């Protein structure tokens, strides 16, 4: 996994940790957190990162 993928996964984890257990996020939120100006270019990587298995909330 490249650096962008790792940064997106960390952004996803941080966003999910701040939400209630029954809430979700959009991959675009992670992309915007990583690159507010160029987030659209990150969307394929953000979708891929969002599709990878995640540890349950509270166990990260």
Protein backbone atom coordinates (compact mmCIF):
# COMPACT_ATOMS: atom_id res chain seq x y z
CA UNK A 1 0.00 0.00 0.00
CA UNK A 2 1.34 3.42 -0.86
CA UNK A 3 1.54 6.42 1.43
CA UNK A 4 -1.74 7.88 0.14
CA UNK A 5 -3.55 4.63 0.87
CA UNK A 6 -2.15 4.56 4.40
CA UNK A 7 -3.09 8.20 4.98
CA UNK A 8 -6.60 7.53 3.73
CA UNK A 9 -6.95 4.50 6.01
CA UNK A 10 -5.82 6.61 9.00
CA UNK A 11 -8.30 9.34 8.03
CA UNK A 12 -11.08 6.75 7.78
CA UNK A 13 -10.18 5.34 11.20
CA UNK A 14 -10.13 8.82 12.76
CA UNK A 15 -13.47 9.76 11.19
CA UNK A 16 -15.09 6.50 12.33
CA UNK A 17 -13.68 6.84 15.84
CA UNK A 18 -15.40 10.23 16.16
CA UNK A 19 -18.79 8.87 15.05
CA UNK A 20 -21.28 6.80 16.97
CA UNK A 21 -21.16 3.06 16.34
CA UNK A 22 -24.30 3.18 14.21
CA UNK A 23 -23.02 5.97 11.93
CA UNK A 24 -21.05 5.79 8.72
CA UNK A 25 -18.80 8.03 6.65
CA UNK A 26 -18.42 8.73 2.96
CA UNK A 27 -15.04 8.00 1.36
CA UNK A 28 -15.02 11.61 0.14
CA UNK A 29 -14.72 12.75 3.77
CA UNK A 30 -11.44 10.86 4.09
CA UNK A 31 -10.20 12.17 0.76
CA UNK A 32 -11.00 15.75 1.83
CA UNK A 33 -9.19 15.22 5.13
CA UNK A 34 -6.05 14.04 3.31
CA UNK A 35 -6.07 16.68 0.53
CA UNK A 36 -8.70 19.43 0.79
CA UNK A 37 -7.84 20.86 -2.64
CA UNK A 38 -7.19 17.68 -4.62
CA UNK A 39 -9.62 15.31 -2.93
CA UNK A 40 -11.45 14.41 -6.14
CA UNK A 41 -8.27 12.86 -7.55
CA UNK A 42 -8.04 10.69 -4.43
CA UNK A 43 -11.52 9.22 -4.75
CA UNK A 44 -10.50 5.92 -6.41
CA UNK A 45 -7.93 5.36 -3.63
CA UNK A 46 -10.43 6.48 -0.97
CA UNK A 47 -13.03 4.00 -2.22
CA UNK A 48 -10.41 1.25 -2.22
CA UNK A 49 -9.31 2.13 1.33
CA UNK A 50 -12.94 2.20 2.50
CA UNK A 51 -13.49 -1.26 1.01
CA UNK A 52 -10.61 -2.87 2.88
CA UNK A 53 -11.54 -4.71 6.10
CA UNK A 54 -11.43 -2.51 9.21
CA UNK A 55 -11.07 -3.52 12.83
CA UNK A 56 -14.25 -2.98 14.84
CA UNK A 57 -14.75 0.48 16.33
CA UNK A 58 -13.17 0.60 19.78
CA UNK A 59 -10.51 -1.99 18.99
CA UNK A 60 -8.28 0.31 16.93
